Amino acid sequence: MLLTSKDIVAYEFGLSSAQRILYTVAAYQKKYGQWPTGLSMDANMAAAVKADLLTPLGWKMLHQRLKVDYDAKGTVIASGPKGLFDYEDYDWNCEDALPTVDKWIWGINLHERNG
């Protein structure tokens, strides 16, 4: 089955604050040359992303790709064997990698609204 953005994103205006997740994962990958294995986010942010931004399938796929916890307070942190990357330290030069992160997590480019 070919997925579309509507299968992953519930919010009609896109990923909104869920972009923090993508930025953090992209920056980890850029810094360490590999994908993170874990993601920690603020519990309130996680609740909003789950309830309002991602579909149940999108949320499930995020959890299939990364071990997610809700221990970070007010931020998002990607983790893996080589270290941590905190969204607060975000390198804005990673934005060109966002479609790669989309494809790694969900198998499609969510930055091109494809239906």
PDB file of N, CA and C in Angstrom:
ATOM      1  N   MET A   1       0.835  -1.179   0.000  1.00  0.00           N
ATOM      2  CA  MET A   1       0.000   0.000   0.000  1.00  0.00           C
ATOM      3  C   MET A   1       0.888   1.253   0.000  1.00  0.00           C
ATOM      4  N   LEU A   2       0.620   2.157  -0.891  1.00  0.00           N
ATOM      5  CA  LEU A   2       1.357   3.414  -0.971  1.00  0.00           C
ATOM      6  C   LEU A   2       0.717   4.422  -0.023  1.00  0.00           C
ATOM      7  N   LEU A   3       1.479   4.889   0.943  1.00  0.00           N
ATOM      8  CA  LEU A   3       0.973   5.856   1.918  1.00  0.00           C
ATOM      9  C   LEU A   3       1.010   7.270   1.351  1.00  0.00           C
ATOM     10  N   THR A   4       0.110   8.110   1.846  1.00  0.00           N
ATOM     11  CA  THR A   4       0.126   9.535   1.531  1.00  0.00           C
ATOM     12  C   THR A   4       0.275  10.297   2.837  1.00  0.00           C
ATOM     13  N   SER A   5       0.467  11.592   2.748  1.00  0.00           N
ATOM     14  CA  SER A   5       0.610  12.404   3.960  1.00  0.00           C
ATOM     15  C   SER A   5      -0.635  12.322   4.832  1.00  0.00           C
ATOM     16  N   LYS A   6      -1.806  12.149   4.237  1.00  0.00           N
ATOM     17  CA  LYS A   6      -3.045  12.056   5.016  1.00  0.00           C
ATOM     18  C   LYS A   6      -3.095  10.789   5.869  1.00  0.00           C
ATOM     19  N   ASP A   7      -2.313   9.776   5.489  1.00  0.00           N
ATOM     20  CA  ASP A   7      -2.235   8.558   6.294  1.00  0.00           C
ATOM     21  C   ASP A   7      -1.397   8.769   7.550  1.00  0.00           C
ATOM     22  N   ILE A   8      -0.518   9.752   7.533  1.00  0.00           N
ATOM     23  CA  ILE A   8       0.440   9.987   8.615  1.00  0.00           C
ATOM     24  C   ILE A   8       0.089  11.216   9.441  1.00  0.00           C
ATOM     25  N   VAL A   9      -0.300  12.304   8.783  1.00  0.00           N
ATOM     26  CA  VAL A   9      -0.516  13.589   9.448  1.00  0.00           C
ATOM     27  C   VAL A   9      -2.014  13.862   9.577  1.00  0.00           C
ATOM     28  N   ALA A  10      -2.471  14.063  10.797  1.00  0.00           N
ATOM     29  CA  ALA A  10      -3.890  14.333  11.058  1.00  0.00           C
ATOM     30  C   ALA A  10      -4.216  15.821  10.948  1.00  0.00           C
ATOM     31  N   TYR A  11      -3.268  16.668  11.284  1.00  0.00           N
ATOM     32  CA  TYR A  11      -3.482  18.115  11.321  1.00  0.00           C
ATOM     33  C   TYR A  11      -3.455  18.670   9.909  1.00  0.00           C
ATOM     34  N   GLU A  12      -4.482  19.384   9.503  1.00  0.00           N
ATOM     35  CA  GLU A  12      -4.599  19.815   8.114  1.00  0.00           C
ATOM     36  C   GLU A  12      -3.491  20.768   7.667  1.00  0.00           C
ATOM     37  N   PHE A  13      -2.811  21.415   8.598  1.00  0.00           N
ATOM     38  CA  PHE A  13      -1.768  22.367   8.226  1.00  0.00           C
ATOM     39  C   PHE A  13      -0.367  21.769   8.326  1.00  0.00           C
ATOM     40  N   GLY A  14      -0.264  20.459   8.434  1.00  0.00           N
ATOM     41  CA  GLY A  14       1.038  19.812   8.424  1.00  0.00           C
ATOM     42  C   GLY A  14       1.515  19.384   9.797  1.00  0.00           C
ATOM     43  N   LEU A  15       2.801  19.242   9.916  1.00  0.00           N
ATOM     44  CA  LEU A  15       3.395  18.681  11.120  1.00  0.00           C
ATOM     45  C   LEU A  15       3.447  19.639  12.296  1.00  0.00           C
ATOM     46  N   SER A  16       3.375  20.937  12.051  1.00  0.00           N
ATOM     47  CA  SER A  16       3.359  21.933  13.129  1.00  0.00           C
ATOM     48  C   SER A  16       4.500  21.680  14.121  1.00  0.00           C
ATOM     49  N   SER A  17       4.204  21.556  15.398  1.00  0.00           N
ATOM     50  CA  SER A  17       5.268  21.395  16.396  1.00  0.00           C
ATOM     51  C   SER A  17       5.959  20.042  16.315  1.00  0.00           C
ATOM     52  N   ALA A  18       5.397  19.100  15.582  1.00  0.00           N
ATOM     53  CA  ALA A  18       6.091  17.817  15.389  1.00  0.00           C
ATOM     54  C   ALA A  18       7.364  18.007  14.567  1.00  0.00           C
ATOM     55  N   GLN A  19       7.521  19.190  13.944  1.00  0.00           N
ATOM     56  CA  GLN A  19       8.772  19.488  13.224  1.00  0.00           C
ATOM     57  C   GLN A  19       9.968  19.385  14.157  1.00  0.00           C
ATOM     58  N   ARG A  20       9.784  19.691  15.431  1.00  0.00           N
ATOM     59  CA  ARG A  20      10.887  19.571  16.387  1.00  0.00           C
ATOM     60  C   ARG A  20      11.458  18.158  16.402  1.00  0.00           C
ATOM     61  N   ILE A  21      10.587  17.191  16.281  1.00  0.00           N
ATOM     62  CA  ILE A  21      11.046  15.797  16.242  1.00  0.00           C
ATOM     63  C   ILE A  21      11.952  15.594  15.031  1.00  0.00           C
ATOM     64  N   LEU A  22      11.485  16.054  13.873  1.00  0.00           N
ATOM     65  CA  LEU A  22      12.266  15.867  12.652  1.00  0.00           C
ATOM     66  C   LEU A  22      13.584  16.625  12.694  1.00  0.00           C
ATOM     67  N   TYR A  23      13.541  17.872  13.173  1.00  0.00           N
ATOM     68  CA  TYR A  23      14.770  18.653  13.278  1.00  0.00           C
ATOM     69  C   TYR A  23      15.793  17.950  14.173  1.00  0.00           C
ATOM     70  N   THR A  24      15.337  17.421  15.294  1.00  0.00           N
ATOM     71  CA  THR A  24      16.238  16.786  16.259  1.00  0.00           C
ATOM     72  C   THR A  24      16.835  15.507  15.681  1.00  0.00           C
ATOM     73  N   VAL A  25      16.025  14.701  15.021  1.00  0.00           N
ATOM     74  CA  VAL A  25      16.516  13.471  14.403  1.00  0.00           C
ATOM     75  C   VAL A  25      17.502  13.803  13.282  1.00  0.00           C
ATOM     76  N   ALA A  26      17.189  14.822  12.470  1.00  0.00           N
ATOM     77  CA  ALA A  26      18.086  15.230  11.379  1.00  0.00           C
ATOM     78  C   ALA A  26      19.426  15.711  11.926  1.00  0.00           C
ATOM     79  N   ALA A  27      19.387  16.495  12.982  1.00  0.00           N
ATOM     80  CA  ALA A  27      20.629  17.021  13.564  1.00  0.00           C
ATOM     81  C   ALA A  27      21.466  15.894  14.170  1.00  0.00           C
ATOM     82  N   TYR A  28      20.817  14.926  14.814  1.00  0.00           N
ATOM     83  CA  TYR A  28      21.559  13.766  15.348  1.00  0.00           C
ATOM     84  C   TYR A  28      22.249  13.026  14.202  1.00  0.00           C
ATOM     85  N   GLN A  29      21.506  12.781  13.134  1.00  0.00           N
ATOM     86  CA  GLN A  29      22.071  12.057  12.002  1.00  0.00           C
ATOM     87  C   GLN A  29      23.232  12.827  11.381  1.00  0.00           C
ATOM     88  N   LYS A  30      23.097  14.131  11.281  1.00  0.00           N
ATOM     89  CA  LYS A  30      24.174  14.952  10.719  1.00  0.00           C
ATOM     90  C   LYS A  30      25.402  14.933  11.623  1.00  0.00           C
ATOM     91  N   LYS A  31      25.194  15.043  12.921  1.00  0.00           N
ATOM     92  CA  LYS A  31      26.304  15.103  13.868  1.00  0.00           C
ATOM     93  C   LYS A  31      27.054  13.784  13.971  1.00  0.00           C
ATOM     94  N   TYR A  32      26.311  12.674  14.012  1.00  0.00           N
ATOM     95  CA  TYR A  32      26.932  11.374  14.285  1.00  0.00           C
ATOM     96  C   TYR A  32      27.038  10.455  13.074  1.00  0.00           C
ATOM     97  N   GLY A  33      26.412  10.800  11.952  1.00  0.00           N
ATOM     98  CA  GLY A  33      26.498   9.977  10.756  1.00  0.00           C
ATOM     99  C   GLY A  33      25.679   8.700  10.814  1.00  0.00           C
ATOM    100  N   GLN A  34      24.757   8.625  11.739  1.00  0.00           N
ATOM    101  CA  GLN A  34      23.847   7.482  11.823  1.00  0.00           C
ATOM    102  C   GLN A  34      22.542   7.935  12.450  1.00  0.00           C
ATOM    103  N   TRP A  35      21.506   7.137  12.272  1.00  0.00           N
ATOM    104  CA  TRP A  35      20.208   7.483  12.826  1.00  0.00           C
ATOM    105  C   TRP A  35      20.176   7.213  14.318  1.00  0.00           C
ATOM    106  N   PRO A  36      19.428   8.012  15.053  1.00  0.00           N
ATOM    107  CA  PRO A  36      19.274   7.739  16.485  1.00  0.00           C
ATOM    108  C   PRO A  36      18.423   6.487  16.691  1.00  0.00           C
ATOM    109  N   THR A  37      18.498   5.960  17.886  1.00  0.00           N
ATOM    110  CA  THR A  37      17.672   4.802  18.244  1.00  0.00           C
ATOM    111  C   THR A  37      16.586   5.177  19.240  1.00  0.00           C
ATOM    112  N   GLY A  38      16.745   6.337  19.885  1.00  0.00           N
ATOM    113  CA  GLY A  38      15.787   6.769  20.885  1.00  0.00           C
ATOM    114  C   GLY A  38      15.389   8.219  20.707  1.00  0.00           C
ATOM    115  N   LEU A  39      14.241   8.550  21.277  1.00  0.00           N
ATOM    116  CA  LEU A  39      13.733   9.912  21.226  1.00  0.00           C
ATOM    117  C   LEU A  39      13.023  10.199  22.537  1.00  0.00           C
ATOM    118  N   SER A  40      13.434  11.269  23.193  1.00  0.00           N
ATOM    119  CA  SER A  40      12.789  11.678  24.431  1.00  0.00           C
ATOM    120  C   SER A  40      12.141  13.031  24.188  1.00  0.00           C
ATOM    121  N   MET A  41      10.895  13.166  24.624  1.00  0.00           N
ATOM    122  CA  MET A  41      10.213  14.442  24.449  1.00  0.00           C
ATOM    123  C   MET A  41       9.385  14.752  25.682  1.00  0.00           C
ATOM    124  N   ASP A  42       9.029  15.998  25.795  1.00  0.00           N
ATOM    125  CA  ASP A  42       8.172  16.450  26.878  1.00  0.00           C
ATOM    126  C   ASP A  42       6.833  15.722  26.797  1.00  0.00           C
ATOM    127  N   ALA A  43       6.323  15.282  27.935  1.00  0.00           N
ATOM    128  CA  ALA A  43       5.065  14.529  27.962  1.00  0.00           C
ATOM    129  C   ALA A  43       3.902  15.324  27.373  1.00  0.00           C
ATOM    130  N   ASN A  44       3.843  16.614  27.630  1.00  0.00           N
ATOM    131  CA  ASN A  44       2.758  17.437  27.076  1.00  0.00           C
ATOM    132  C   ASN A  44       2.863  17.551  25.556  1.00  0.00           C
ATOM    133  N   MET A  45       4.090  17.689  25.065  1.00  0.00           N
ATOM    134  CA  MET A  45       4.282  17.740  23.618  1.00  0.00           C
ATOM    135  C   MET A  45       3.868  16.414  22.995  1.00  0.00           C
ATOM    136  N   ALA A  46       4.283  15.315  23.610  1.00  0.00           N
ATOM    137  CA  ALA A  46       3.936  13.999  23.084  1.00  0.00           C
ATOM    138  C   ALA A  46       2.423  13.819  23.023  1.00  0.00           C
ATOM    139  N   ALA A  47       1.737  14.256  24.062  1.00  0.00           N
ATOM    140  CA  ALA A  47       0.278  14.127  24.090  1.00  0.00           C
ATOM    141  C   ALA A  47      -0.361  14.921  22.949  1.00  0.00           C
ATOM    142  N   ALA A  48       0.149  16.121  22.687  1.00  0.00           N
ATOM    143  CA  ALA A  48      -0.398  16.952  21.613  1.00  0.00           C
ATOM    144  C   ALA A  48      -0.095  16.358  20.243  1.00  0.00           C
ATOM    145  N   VAL A  49       1.124  15.876  20.052  1.00  0.00           N
ATOM    146  CA  VAL A  49       1.487  15.268  18.770  1.00  0.00           C
ATOM    147  C   VAL A  49       0.607  14.048  18.515  1.00  0.00           C
ATOM    148  N   LYS A  50       0.433  13.233  19.543  1.00  0.00           N
ATOM    149  CA  LYS A  50      -0.381  12.022  19.394  1.00  0.00           C
ATOM    150  C   LYS A  50      -1.852  12.354  19.155  1.00  0.00           C
ATOM    151  N   ALA A  51      -2.389  13.302  19.891  1.00  0.00           N
ATOM    152  CA  ALA A  51      -3.822  13.612  19.816  1.00  0.00           C
ATOM    153  C   ALA A  51      -4.200  14.445  18.595  1.00  0.00           C
ATOM    154  N   ASP A  52      -3.316  15.374  18.204  1.00  0.00           N
ATOM    155  CA  ASP A  52      -3.719  16.372  17.218  1.00  0.00           C
ATOM    156  C   ASP A  52      -2.938  16.389  15.913  1.00  0.00           C
ATOM    157  N   LEU A  53      -1.704  15.906  15.917  1.00  0.00           N
ATOM    158  CA  LEU A  53      -0.861  16.096  14.740  1.00  0.00           C
ATOM    159  C   LEU A  53      -0.670  14.847  13.896  1.00  0.00           C
ATOM    160  N   LEU A  54      -0.393  13.723  14.532  1.00  0.00           N
ATOM    161  CA  LEU A  54      -0.189  12.490  13.776  1.00  0.00           C
ATOM    162  C   LEU A  54      -1.430  11.608  13.849  1.00  0.00           C
ATOM    163  N   THR A  55      -1.635  10.829  12.822  1.00  0.00           N
ATOM    164  CA  THR A  55      -2.684   9.823  12.846  1.00  0.00           C
ATOM    165  C   THR A  55      -2.219   8.677  13.745  1.00  0.00           C
ATOM    166  N   PRO A  56      -3.093   7.776  14.132  1.00  0.00           N
ATOM    167  CA  PRO A  56      -2.641   6.606  14.899  1.00  0.00           C
ATOM    168  C   PRO A  56      -1.549   5.820  14.161  1.00  0.00           C
ATOM    169  N   LEU A  57      -1.661   5.706  12.842  1.00  0.00           N
ATOM    170  CA  LEU A  57      -0.627   5.022  12.072  1.00  0.00           C
ATOM    171  C   LEU A  57       0.696   5.783  12.132  1.00  0.00           C
ATOM    172  N   GLY A  58       0.642   7.106  11.977  1.00  0.00           N
ATOM    173  CA  GLY A  58       1.861   7.912  12.053  1.00  0.00           C
ATOM    174  C   GLY A  58       2.547   7.784  13.395  1.00  0.00           C
ATOM    175  N   TRP A  59       1.768   7.793  14.475  1.00  0.00           N
ATOM    176  CA  TRP A  59       2.303   7.644  15.833  1.00  0.00           C
ATOM    177  C   TRP A  59       2.934   6.258  16.010  1.00  0.00           C
ATOM    178  N   LYS A  60       2.253   5.234  15.522  1.00  0.00           N
ATOM    179  CA  LYS A  60       2.759   3.862  15.622  1.00  0.00           C
ATOM    180  C   LYS A  60       4.078   3.709  14.864  1.00  0.00           C
ATOM    181  N   MET A  61       4.147   4.282  13.666  1.00  0.00           N
ATOM    182  CA  MET A  61       5.368   4.174  12.863  1.00  0.00           C
ATOM    183  C   MET A  61       6.537   4.901  13.518  1.00  0.00           C
ATOM    184  N   LEU A  62       6.272   6.031  14.169  1.00  0.00           N
ATOM    185  CA  LEU A  62       7.321   6.736  14.909  1.00  0.00           C
ATOM    186  C   LEU A  62       7.886   5.825  15.996  1.00  0.00           C
ATOM    187  N   HIS A  63       6.999   5.151  16.716  1.00  0.00           N
ATOM    188  CA  HIS A  63       7.426   4.240  17.788  1.00  0.00           C
ATOM    189  C   HIS A  63       8.106   2.983  17.248  1.00  0.00           C
ATOM    190  N   GLN A  64       7.791   2.578  16.052  1.00  0.00           N
ATOM    191  CA  GLN A  64       8.468   1.425  15.463  1.00  0.00           C
ATOM    192  C   GLN A  64       9.899   1.752  15.077  1.00  0.00           C
ATOM    193  N   ARG A  65      10.150   3.009  14.742  1.00  0.00           N
ATOM    194  CA  ARG A  65      11.476   3.423  14.299  1.00  0.00           C
ATOM    195  C   ARG A  65      12.373   3.840  15.468  1.00  0.00           C
ATOM    196  N   LEU A  66      11.773   4.458  16.496  1.00  0.00           N
ATOM    197  CA  LEU A  66      12.536   4.989  17.631  1.00  0.00           C
ATOM    198  C   LEU A  66      11.917   4.539  18.948  1.00  0.00           C
ATOM    199  N   LYS A  67      12.774   4.271  19.931  1.00  0.00           N
ATOM    200  CA  LYS A  67      12.286   4.001  21.279  1.00  0.00           C
ATOM    201  C   LYS A  67      11.956   5.357  21.896  1.00  0.00           C
ATOM    202  N   VAL A  68      10.685   5.614  22.131  1.00  0.00           N
ATOM    203  CA  VAL A  68      10.232   6.928  22.570  1.00  0.00           C
ATOM    204  C   VAL A  68       9.909   6.913  24.057  1.00  0.00           C
ATOM    205  N   ASP A  69      10.414   7.941  24.758  1.00  0.00           N
ATOM    206  CA  ASP A  69      10.002   8.146  26.152  1.00  0.00           C
ATOM    207  C   ASP A  69       9.582   9.599  26.326  1.00  0.00           C
ATOM    208  N   TYR A  70       9.062   9.906  27.491  1.00  0.00           N
ATOM    209  CA  TYR A  70       8.473  11.230  27.734  1.00  0.00           C
ATOM    210  C   TYR A  70       9.163  11.927  28.907  1.00  0.00           C
ATOM    211  N   ASP A  71      10.463  11.742  29.014  1.00  0.00           N
ATOM    212  CA  ASP A  71      11.227  12.263  30.146  1.00  0.00           C
ATOM    213  C   ASP A  71      11.819  13.647  29.920  1.00  0.00           C
ATOM    214  N   ALA A  72      11.964  14.076  28.683  1.00  0.00           N
ATOM    215  CA  ALA A  72      12.556  15.386  28.414  1.00  0.00           C
ATOM    216  C   ALA A  72      11.568  16.474  28.846  1.00  0.00           C
ATOM    217  N   LYS A  73      12.055  17.493  29.479  1.00  0.00           N
ATOM    218  CA  LYS A  73      11.203  18.588  29.960  1.00  0.00           C
ATOM    219  C   LYS A  73      11.390  19.805  29.061  1.00  0.00           C
ATOM    220  N   GLY A  74      10.367  20.120  28.267  1.00  0.00           N
ATOM    221  CA  GLY A  74      10.410  21.314  27.433  1.00  0.00           C
ATOM    222  C   GLY A  74      11.291  21.229  26.204  1.00  0.00           C
ATOM    223  N   THR A  75      11.710  20.024  25.818  1.00  0.00           N
ATOM    224  CA  THR A  75      12.588  19.877  24.663  1.00  0.00           C
ATOM    225  C   THR A  75      12.384  18.506  24.037  1.00  0.00           C
ATOM    226  N   VAL A  76      13.176  18.223  23.010  1.00  0.00           N
ATOM    227  CA  VAL A  76      13.216  16.916  22.363  1.00  0.00           C
ATOM    228  C   VAL A  76      14.682  16.513  22.287  1.00  0.00           C
ATOM    229  N   ILE A  77      14.982  15.263  22.628  1.00  0.00           N
ATOM    230  CA  ILE A  77      16.354  14.773  22.620  1.00  0.00           C
ATOM    231  C   ILE A  77      16.410  13.467  21.843  1.00  0.00           C
ATOM    232  N   ALA A  78      17.279  13.410  20.835  1.00  0.00           N
ATOM    233  CA  ALA A  78      17.538  12.169  20.105  1.00  0.00           C
ATOM    234  C   ALA A  78      18.750  11.504  20.737  1.00  0.00           C
ATOM    235  N   SER A  79      18.710  10.181  20.836  1.00  0.00           N
ATOM    236  CA  SER A  79      19.820   9.453  21.453  1.00  0.00           C
ATOM    237  C   SER A  79      20.165   8.225  20.630  1.00  0.00           C
ATOM    238  N   GLY A  80      21.377   7.779  20.812  1.00  0.00           N
ATOM    239  CA  GLY A  80      21.855   6.583  20.128  1.00  0.00           C
ATOM    240  C   GLY A  80      23.195   6.178  20.685  1.00  0.00           C
ATOM    241  N   PRO A  81      23.822   5.195  20.073  1.00  0.00           N
ATOM    242  CA  PRO A  81      25.090   4.683  20.581  1.00  0.00           C
ATOM    243  C   PRO A  81      26.211   5.718  20.647  1.00  0.00           C
ATOM    244  N   LYS A  82      26.142   6.736  19.812  1.00  0.00           N
ATOM    245  CA  LYS A  82      27.224   7.723  19.766  1.00  0.00           C
ATOM    246  C   LYS A  82      26.981   8.940  20.648  1.00  0.00           C
ATOM    247  N   GLY A  83      25.782   9.099  21.207  1.00  0.00           N
ATOM    248  CA  GLY A  83      25.546  10.242  22.069  1.00  0.00           C
ATOM    249  C   GLY A  83      24.122  10.755  22.002  1.00  0.00           C
ATOM    250  N   LEU A  84      23.985  12.028  22.380  1.00  0.00           N
ATOM    251  CA  LEU A  84      22.684  12.692  22.444  1.00  0.00           C
ATOM    252  C   LEU A  84      22.696  13.941  21.579  1.00  0.00           C
ATOM    253  N   PHE A  85      21.516  14.337  21.127  1.00  0.00           N
ATOM    254  CA  PHE A  85      21.370  15.648  20.513  1.00  0.00           C
ATOM    255  C   PHE A  85      20.083  16.261  21.027  1.00  0.00           C
ATOM    256  N   ASP A  86      20.204  17.449  21.629  1.00  0.00           N
ATOM    257  CA  ASP A  86      19.071  18.168  22.200  1.00  0.00           C
ATOM    258  C   ASP A  86      18.585  19.214  21.203  1.00  0.00           C
ATOM    259  N   TYR A  87      17.277  19.283  20.998  1.00  0.00           N
ATOM    260  CA  TYR A  87      16.691  20.277  20.099  1.00  0.00           C
ATOM    261  C   TYR A  87      17.154  21.689  20.448  1.00  0.00           C
ATOM    262  N   GLU A  88      17.381  21.965  21.707  1.00  0.00           N
ATOM    263  CA  GLU A  88      17.829  23.298  22.134  1.00  0.00           C
ATOM    264  C   GLU A  88      19.150  23.685  21.466  1.00  0.00           C
ATOM    265  N   ASP A  89      19.932  22.702  21.021  1.00  0.00           N
ATOM    266  CA  ASP A  89      21.216  22.944  20.354  1.00  0.00           C
ATOM    267  C   ASP A  89      21.098  22.822  18.847  1.00  0.00           C
ATOM    268  N   TYR A  90      19.881  22.936  18.317  1.00  0.00           N
ATOM    269  CA  TYR A  90      19.618  22.637  16.912  1.00  0.00           C
ATOM    270  C   TYR A  90      20.473  23.443  15.949  1.00  0.00           C
ATOM    271  N   ASP A  91      20.969  22.749  14.945  1.00  0.00           N
ATOM    272  CA  ASP A  91      21.756  23.327  13.865  1.00  0.00           C
ATOM    273  C   ASP A  91      20.803  23.556  12.683  1.00  0.00           C
ATOM    274  N   TRP A  92      20.468  24.792  12.406  1.00  0.00           N
ATOM    275  CA  TRP A  92      19.492  25.096  11.364  1.00  0.00           C
ATOM    276  C   TRP A  92      19.985  24.726   9.977  1.00  0.00           C
ATOM    277  N   ASN A  93      21.214  24.289   9.837  1.00  0.00           N
ATOM    278  CA  ASN A  93      21.721  23.836   8.545  1.00  0.00           C
ATOM    279  C   ASN A  93      21.259  22.418   8.208  1.00  0.00           C
ATOM    280  N   CYS A  94      20.411  21.827   9.049  1.00  0.00           N
ATOM    281  CA  CYS A  94      19.920  20.466   8.816  1.00  0.00           C
ATOM    282  C   CYS A  94      18.592  20.426   8.075  1.00  0.00           C
ATOM    283  N   GLU A  95      18.006  21.553   7.798  1.00  0.00           N
ATOM    284  CA  GLU A  95      16.661  21.555   7.228  1.00  0.00           C
ATOM    285  C   GLU A  95      16.570  20.825   5.901  1.00  0.00           C
ATOM    286  N   ASP A  96      17.647  20.809   5.118  1.00  0.00           N
ATOM    287  CA  ASP A  96      17.600  20.102   3.841  1.00  0.00           C
ATOM    288  C   ASP A  96      17.492  18.594   4.037  1.00  0.00           C
ATOM    289  N   ALA A  97      17.776  18.108   5.245  1.00  0.00           N
ATOM    290  CA  ALA A  97      17.692  16.675   5.535  1.00  0.00           C
ATOM    291  C   ALA A  97      16.300  16.239   5.982  1.00  0.00           C
ATOM    292  N   LEU A  98      15.376  17.171   6.194  1.00  0.00           N
ATOM    293  CA  LEU A  98      14.058  16.809   6.724  1.00  0.00           C
ATOM    294  C   LEU A  98      13.309  15.797   5.861  1.00  0.00           C
ATOM    295  N   PRO A  99      13.302  15.924   4.517  1.00  0.00           N
ATOM    296  CA  PRO A  99      12.622  14.894   3.726  1.00  0.00           C
ATOM    297  C   PRO A  99      13.247  13.502   3.902  1.00  0.00           C
ATOM    298  N   THR A 100      14.549  13.446   4.161  1.00  0.00           N
ATOM    299  CA  THR A 100      15.202  12.162   4.414  1.00  0.00           C
ATOM    300  C   THR A 100      14.710  11.563   5.717  1.00  0.00           C
ATOM    301  N   VAL A 101      14.511  12.403   6.735  1.00  0.00           N
ATOM    302  CA  VAL A 101      13.986  11.933   8.018  1.00  0.00           C
ATOM    303  C   VAL A 101      12.563  11.425   7.838  1.00  0.00           C
ATOM    304  N   ASP A 102      11.740  12.175   7.101  1.00  0.00           N
ATOM    305  CA  ASP A 102      10.370  11.728   6.807  1.00  0.00           C
ATOM    306  C   ASP A 102      10.380  10.325   6.221  1.00  0.00           C
ATOM    307  N   LYS A 103      11.208  10.147   5.220  1.00  0.00           N
ATOM    308  CA  LYS A 103      11.250   8.851   4.535  1.00  0.00           C
ATOM    309  C   LYS A 103      11.775   7.760   5.448  1.00  0.00           C
ATOM    310  N   TRP A 104      12.746   8.090   6.309  1.00  0.00           N
ATOM    311  CA  TRP A 104      13.285   7.095   7.231  1.00  0.00           C
ATOM    312  C   TRP A 104      12.219   6.656   8.238  1.00  0.00           C
ATOM    313  N   ILE A 105      11.463   7.595   8.775  1.00  0.00           N
ATOM    314  CA  ILE A 105      10.450   7.257   9.783  1.00  0.00           C
ATOM    315  C   ILE A 105       9.187   6.692   9.141  1.00  0.00           C
ATOM    316  N   TRP A 106       8.653   7.377   8.136  1.00  0.00           N
ATOM    317  CA  TRP A 106       7.325   7.045   7.606  1.00  0.00           C
ATOM    318  C   TRP A 106       7.311   6.497   6.185  1.00  0.00           C
ATOM    319  N   GLY A 107       8.453   6.525   5.514  1.00  0.00           N
ATOM    320  CA  GLY A 107       8.511   5.985   4.161  1.00  0.00           C
ATOM    321  C   GLY A 107       8.047   6.932   3.070  1.00  0.00           C
ATOM    322  N   ILE A 108       7.710   8.183   3.435  1.00  0.00           N
ATOM    323  CA  ILE A 108       7.287   9.179   2.440  1.00  0.00           C
ATOM    324  C   ILE A 108       7.826  10.553   2.836  1.00  0.00           C
ATOM    325  N   ASN A 109       7.857  11.454   1.882  1.00  0.00           N
ATOM    326  CA  ASN A 109       8.281  12.829   2.120  1.00  0.00           C
ATOM    327  C   ASN A 109       7.056  13.648   2.519  1.00  0.00           C
ATOM    328  N   LEU A 110       6.965  14.013   3.783  1.00  0.00           N
ATOM    329  CA  LEU A 110       5.830  14.786   4.267  1.00  0.00           C
ATOM    330  C   LEU A 110       5.965  16.276   3.976  1.00  0.00           C
ATOM    331  N   HIS A 111       7.106  16.700   3.491  1.00  0.00           N
ATOM    332  CA  HIS A 111       7.299  18.110   3.163  1.00  0.00           C
ATOM    333  C   HIS A 111       6.774  18.442   1.775  1.00  0.00           C
ATOM    334  N   GLU A 112       6.365  17.443   1.041  1.00  0.00           N
ATOM    335  CA  GLU A 112       5.643  17.632  -0.219  1.00  0.00           C
ATOM    336  C   GLU A 112       4.258  17.077   0.037  1.00  0.00           C
ATOM    337  N   ARG A 113       3.280  17.913   0.219  1.00  0.00           N
ATOM    338  CA  ARG A 113       1.923  17.450   0.533  1.00  0.00           C
ATOM    339  C   ARG A 113       1.387  16.658  -0.646  1.00  0.00           C
ATOM    340  N   ASN A 114       1.474  15.332  -0.531  1.00  0.00           N
ATOM    341  CA  ASN A 114       1.162  14.451  -1.660  1.00  0.00           C
ATOM    342  C   ASN A 114      -0.199  13.782  -1.536  1.00  0.00           C
ATOM    343  N   GLY A 115      -1.167  14.489  -1.135  1.00  0.00           N
ATOM    344  CA  GLY A 115      -2.503  13.909  -1.125  1.00  0.00           C
ATOM    345  C   GLY A 115      -2.989  13.706   0.226  1.00  0.00           C
TER     346      GLY A 115
END
